[in-house]
Amino acid sequence: MSVLLKIENHFGLSPSQKINWTLVEGEIVGLVGKNGCGKTTLLKQISGVLEACPKKQKNLESITTWREQERLDQFSLKERVRKIRYVPHEFWTAFPLTTLEVLNLGESTQSLSAPILKEILKDDPLLKLIDQPFPTLSTGQRQLVLAWKALLSQAELVFFDETFSMMDFEQKRRMQFCLEKRKAAGKTFVIVSHDWGWLHQVCDHLVFLDSEGLCPLKNKQLPQTYGYLKSVHS
C-alpha cells in the first residue's frame, strides 16, 4: 500500500506534543484520546479548516507531504479540500435547505440529483430524507447526511470527527459496510470516537493522542484509565 499522507515533527497543542504520523491508502484508522487532548485541532489543521501554527523545536521543521511528492502546505485551500475532507460531529443551519441541497452544497463535482442518489444509495435511509428540510432532521439524521456528503465526494482522505456519535445501531452497521466498500477502492478514513466497541469492529488499527504526542495502540488495547501512561510511548 502506498503512503498517502506523512506528517513529520508537527507540534500540536504544546511544544511537547510532537506528532509523527503516516497514513496509507485503503485503511481505516481510529484516533482516540481524552477530551481536550487535541484530536479535533490536529485533524482541522491537516485538512485546512484551521491554520497550523508554525512551531519549531531543536531546529526541527514541521513537514507534511502528500503521496511522498508534494508538501501539503503548498496546496491551495481548494486543492486541499478536494483531497482531504473534515467531517464534524454536527452541522446546523437556519436556512431552509433540503437534505439534497446540503449534499450538493460547496461540492465542485456534478450536482447530485434524486435519480442519481437512488441509484447510488439503493435502500439506504438517507433516500427518505432528501426532500426534507435539513434543520428539521434529528442529530443522528444530520450526521448521516454529513457522512454521506463526504463519502460521495472525491476526497481521498476523510476525517470523521465523532460524526457517528448519535447514529443508531442500524445506521452504524450500514455505515461500516459503506466504509469498508470505499476502503477497498483505496479511500482512507480516520475516525474519532469514544465508542470503543465500534472502533474495534471498523478500524484496522488505532492510534492514541495525549500530551506527548501520537502513538499506535498494540492489538487495539485501550491505555489504562484512558489517560496518559509512560508505557504507551515506550
Protein backbone atom coordinates (compact mmCIF):
# COMPACT_ATOMS: atom_id res chain seq x y z
CA MET A 1 0.00 0.00 0.00
CA SER A 2 1.35 3.43 -0.92
CA VAL A 3 1.80 6.25 1.55
CA LEU A 4 -0.97 8.84 1.28
CA LEU A 5 0.00 11.35 3.96
CA LYS A 6 3.15 11.67 6.05
CA ILE A 7 3.44 14.09 8.95
CA GLU A 8 6.84 14.83 10.46
CA ASN A 9 7.53 17.00 13.51
CA HIS A 10 4.07 18.50 13.75
CA PHE A 11 3.63 20.22 17.11
CA GLY A 12 0.10 20.11 18.45
CA LEU A 13 -1.39 21.95 21.41
CA SER A 14 2.02 22.43 23.06
CA PRO A 15 5.72 22.22 22.09
CA SER A 16 5.92 18.90 23.94
CA GLN A 17 3.18 17.32 21.81
CA LYS A 18 5.23 16.26 18.78
CA ILE A 19 3.33 14.27 16.17
CA ASN A 20 4.74 11.95 13.51
CA TRP A 21 2.07 10.08 11.58
CA THR A 22 1.85 8.12 8.35
CA LEU A 23 -1.43 7.23 6.66
CA VAL A 24 -1.56 4.82 3.74
CA GLU A 25 -4.10 4.19 1.02
CA GLY A 26 -7.05 1.98 1.84
CA GLU A 27 -7.09 1.89 5.63
CA ILE A 28 -9.46 2.86 8.43
CA VAL A 29 -7.72 4.32 11.48
CA GLY A 30 -9.29 5.07 14.85
CA LEU A 31 -7.97 8.18 16.63
CA VAL A 32 -8.60 8.08 20.38
CA GLY A 33 -7.68 10.16 23.41
CA LYS A 34 -9.11 12.13 26.28
CA ASN A 35 -11.36 15.14 25.69
CA GLY A 36 -9.26 18.22 25.05
CA CYS A 37 -6.09 16.37 24.04
CA GLY A 38 -6.08 17.94 20.58
CA LYS A 39 -7.70 15.38 18.27
CA THR A 40 -10.05 17.86 16.61
CA THR A 41 -7.36 20.54 16.36
CA LEU A 42 -4.96 18.11 14.67
CA LEU A 43 -7.48 16.96 12.07
CA LYS A 44 -8.65 20.51 11.36
CA GLN A 45 -5.08 21.66 10.84
CA ILE A 46 -4.29 18.82 8.44
CA SER A 47 -7.47 19.37 6.44
CA GLY A 48 -7.04 23.16 6.31
CA VAL A 49 -10.07 24.08 8.43
CA LEU A 50 -7.63 25.59 10.94
CA GLU A 51 -4.33 27.17 10.06
CA ALA A 52 -1.44 25.23 11.54
CA CYS A 53 0.73 27.27 13.88
CA PRO A 54 4.35 27.05 12.68
CA LYS A 55 6.32 25.68 15.62
CA LYS A 56 9.90 24.54 15.74
CA GLN A 57 11.79 22.71 18.42
CA LYS A 58 15.50 21.92 18.34
CA ASN A 59 15.65 23.09 14.71
CA LEU A 60 13.05 20.52 13.63
CA GLU A 61 10.88 21.68 10.73
CA SER A 62 7.28 20.51 10.53
CA ILE A 63 6.70 18.88 7.16
CA THR A 64 3.54 17.23 5.85
CA THR A 65 3.79 15.52 2.46
CA TRP A 66 1.07 14.18 0.18
CA ARG A 67 1.88 10.92 -1.61
CA GLU A 68 5.56 11.44 -0.77
CA GLN A 69 5.84 14.05 -3.51
CA GLU A 70 4.14 17.33 -2.62
CA ARG A 71 4.16 19.39 0.53
CA LEU A 72 0.65 19.86 1.86
CA ASP A 73 1.28 23.49 2.82
CA GLN A 74 1.90 24.27 -0.86
CA PHE A 75 -1.67 23.34 -1.78
CA SER A 76 -4.34 25.98 -2.06
CA LEU A 77 -7.27 25.54 0.31
CA LYS A 78 -9.43 24.50 -2.64
CA GLU A 79 -6.91 21.80 -3.62
CA ARG A 80 -6.62 20.56 -0.05
CA VAL A 81 -10.38 20.30 0.43
CA ARG A 82 -10.62 18.33 -2.80
CA LYS A 83 -8.17 15.76 -1.42
CA ILE A 84 -8.94 15.82 2.32
CA ARG A 85 -12.40 16.15 3.86
CA TYR A 86 -13.04 17.03 7.52
CA VAL A 87 -16.49 16.00 8.78
CA PRO A 88 -17.62 17.45 12.13
CA HIS A 89 -19.93 15.74 14.59
CA GLU A 90 -22.64 18.31 13.93
CA PHE A 91 -23.71 20.90 11.38
CA TRP A 92 -26.81 23.03 11.66
CA THR A 93 -28.17 25.82 9.54
CA ALA A 94 -31.18 28.07 9.96
CA PHE A 95 -31.58 28.31 6.19
CA PRO A 96 -34.41 26.09 4.88
CA LEU A 97 -32.14 23.91 2.77
CA THR A 98 -33.29 20.44 1.85
CA THR A 99 -31.08 17.44 2.50
CA LEU A 100 -30.36 17.19 -1.22
CA GLU A 101 -29.22 20.81 -1.29
CA VAL A 102 -26.90 20.20 1.68
CA LEU A 103 -25.39 17.19 -0.11
CA ASN A 104 -24.58 19.43 -3.09
CA LEU A 105 -23.55 22.48 -1.04
CA GLY A 106 -19.99 23.54 -1.84
CA GLU A 107 -19.24 20.50 -3.99
CA SER A 108 -17.29 21.14 -7.18
CA THR A 109 -18.35 17.95 -8.91
CA GLN A 110 -21.56 17.46 -10.88
CA SER A 111 -24.64 18.04 -8.77
CA LEU A 112 -26.36 15.00 -7.37
CA SER A 113 -29.98 14.55 -8.38
CA ALA A 114 -32.63 12.40 -6.74
CA PRO A 115 -32.43 9.72 -9.50
CA ILE A 116 -28.62 9.54 -9.21
CA LEU A 117 -28.85 9.19 -5.43
CA LYS A 118 -31.42 6.42 -5.74
CA GLU A 119 -29.02 4.51 -7.96
CA ILE A 120 -26.10 5.01 -5.54
CA LEU A 121 -27.85 4.59 -2.22
CA LYS A 122 -30.21 1.74 -3.14
CA ASP A 123 -32.28 1.27 0.04
CA ASP A 124 -30.27 3.48 2.41
CA PRO A 125 -32.42 5.50 4.90
CA LEU A 126 -30.89 8.71 3.50
CA LEU A 127 -33.18 8.40 0.48
CA LYS A 128 -36.21 9.11 2.63
CA LEU A 129 -34.64 12.36 3.82
CA ILE A 130 -33.52 14.01 0.57
CA ASP A 131 -36.60 16.24 0.21
CA GLN A 132 -36.90 17.10 3.91
CA PRO A 133 -35.68 20.43 5.33
CA PHE A 134 -32.26 19.75 6.82
CA PRO A 135 -32.88 21.81 10.04
CA THR A 136 -35.86 19.59 10.93
CA LEU A 137 -33.81 16.38 10.99
CA SER A 138 -32.66 14.75 14.22
CA THR A 139 -29.00 14.95 15.21
CA GLY A 140 -28.40 11.36 14.12
CA GLN A 141 -30.04 12.01 10.76
CA ARG A 142 -27.96 15.15 10.22
CA GLN A 143 -24.84 13.12 10.98
CA LEU A 144 -25.94 10.57 8.39
CA VAL A 145 -26.23 13.34 5.79
CA LEU A 146 -22.77 14.72 6.65
CA ALA A 147 -21.20 11.26 6.47
CA TRP A 148 -22.73 10.55 3.07
CA LYS A 149 -21.73 14.00 1.81
CA ALA A 150 -18.09 13.08 2.46
CA LEU A 151 -18.44 9.55 1.09
CA LEU A 152 -19.94 10.86 -2.15
CA SER A 153 -17.16 13.42 -2.59
CA GLN A 154 -13.91 12.89 -4.49
CA ALA A 155 -11.81 13.20 -1.31
CA GLU A 156 -9.14 10.52 -0.93
CA LEU A 157 -8.77 11.05 2.82
CA VAL A 158 -11.74 11.66 5.12
CA PHE A 159 -11.65 12.63 8.79
CA PHE A 160 -14.80 11.73 10.74
CA ASP A 161 -14.71 13.69 13.99
CA GLU A 162 -17.33 11.93 16.17
CA THR A 163 -19.60 12.03 13.13
CA PHE A 164 -21.26 8.73 14.09
CA SER A 165 -21.83 9.51 17.77
CA MET A 166 -25.61 9.94 17.56
CA MET A 167 -26.40 7.36 14.91
CA ASP A 168 -28.46 4.35 15.89
CA PHE A 169 -27.23 0.76 15.63
CA GLU A 170 -28.63 0.13 12.16
CA GLN A 171 -27.18 3.36 10.77
CA LYS A 172 -23.75 2.47 12.16
CA ARG A 173 -23.97 -1.03 10.71
CA ARG A 174 -24.78 0.34 7.28
CA MET A 175 -22.07 2.97 7.57
CA GLN A 176 -19.50 0.30 8.45
CA PHE A 177 -20.37 -1.53 5.22
CA CYS A 178 -20.03 1.71 3.23
CA LEU A 179 -16.64 2.50 4.77
CA GLU A 180 -15.31 -0.98 4.06
CA LYS A 181 -16.51 -0.83 0.45
CA ARG A 182 -14.76 2.50 -0.17
CA LYS A 183 -11.66 1.39 1.72
CA ALA A 184 -11.39 -1.48 -0.76
CA ALA A 185 -11.43 1.14 -3.53
CA GLY A 186 -8.43 2.90 -1.96
CA LYS A 187 -10.02 5.58 0.21
CA THR A 188 -8.56 6.25 3.66
CA PHE A 189 -10.56 7.17 6.76
CA VAL A 190 -9.69 8.44 10.22
CA ILE A 191 -12.44 8.11 12.82
CA VAL A 192 -12.51 9.96 16.14
CA SER A 193 -14.85 8.25 18.57
CA HIS A 194 -15.26 7.24 22.20
CA ASP A 195 -17.29 4.19 21.15
CA TRP A 196 -14.53 1.66 21.80
CA GLY A 197 -16.54 -1.38 20.73
CA TRP A 198 -17.48 0.10 17.36
CA LEU A 199 -13.91 1.21 16.66
CA HIS A 200 -12.75 -2.37 17.27
CA GLN A 201 -15.19 -3.59 14.61
CA VAL A 202 -14.49 -0.93 11.99
CA CYS A 203 -10.83 0.08 12.25
CA ASP A 204 -7.70 -1.66 11.01
CA HIS A 205 -5.71 -0.15 13.86
CA LEU A 206 -5.90 2.58 16.49
CA VAL A 207 -3.66 5.48 17.46
CA PHE A 208 -3.68 7.30 20.78
CA LEU A 209 -3.12 11.04 21.25
CA ASP A 210 -2.05 12.56 24.55
CA SER A 211 0.12 15.39 25.86
CA GLU A 212 3.31 13.85 24.49
CA GLY A 213 2.08 13.01 21.03
CA LEU A 214 0.68 10.21 18.93
CA CYS A 215 1.42 6.52 19.25
CA PRO A 216 -0.06 3.26 17.93
CA LEU A 217 -2.00 1.00 20.28
CA LYS A 218 -0.80 -2.58 20.11
CA ASN A 219 -3.63 -5.01 19.48
CA LYS A 220 -6.05 -2.08 19.81
CA GLN A 221 -5.60 -2.15 23.59
CA LEU A 222 -7.00 0.85 25.44
CA PRO A 223 -4.48 2.54 27.77
CA GLN A 224 -5.42 2.15 31.43
CA THR A 225 -7.81 4.89 32.60
CA TYR A 226 -7.86 6.25 29.02
CA GLY A 227 -5.24 8.77 30.10
CA TYR A 228 -1.56 9.31 29.68
CA LEU A 229 0.79 6.48 30.55
CA LYS A 230 4.54 6.44 30.04
CA SER A 231 4.27 2.81 28.89
CA VAL A 232 2.17 3.84 25.89
CA HIS A 233 5.13 5.72 24.40
CA SER A 234 7.77 3.15 25.30
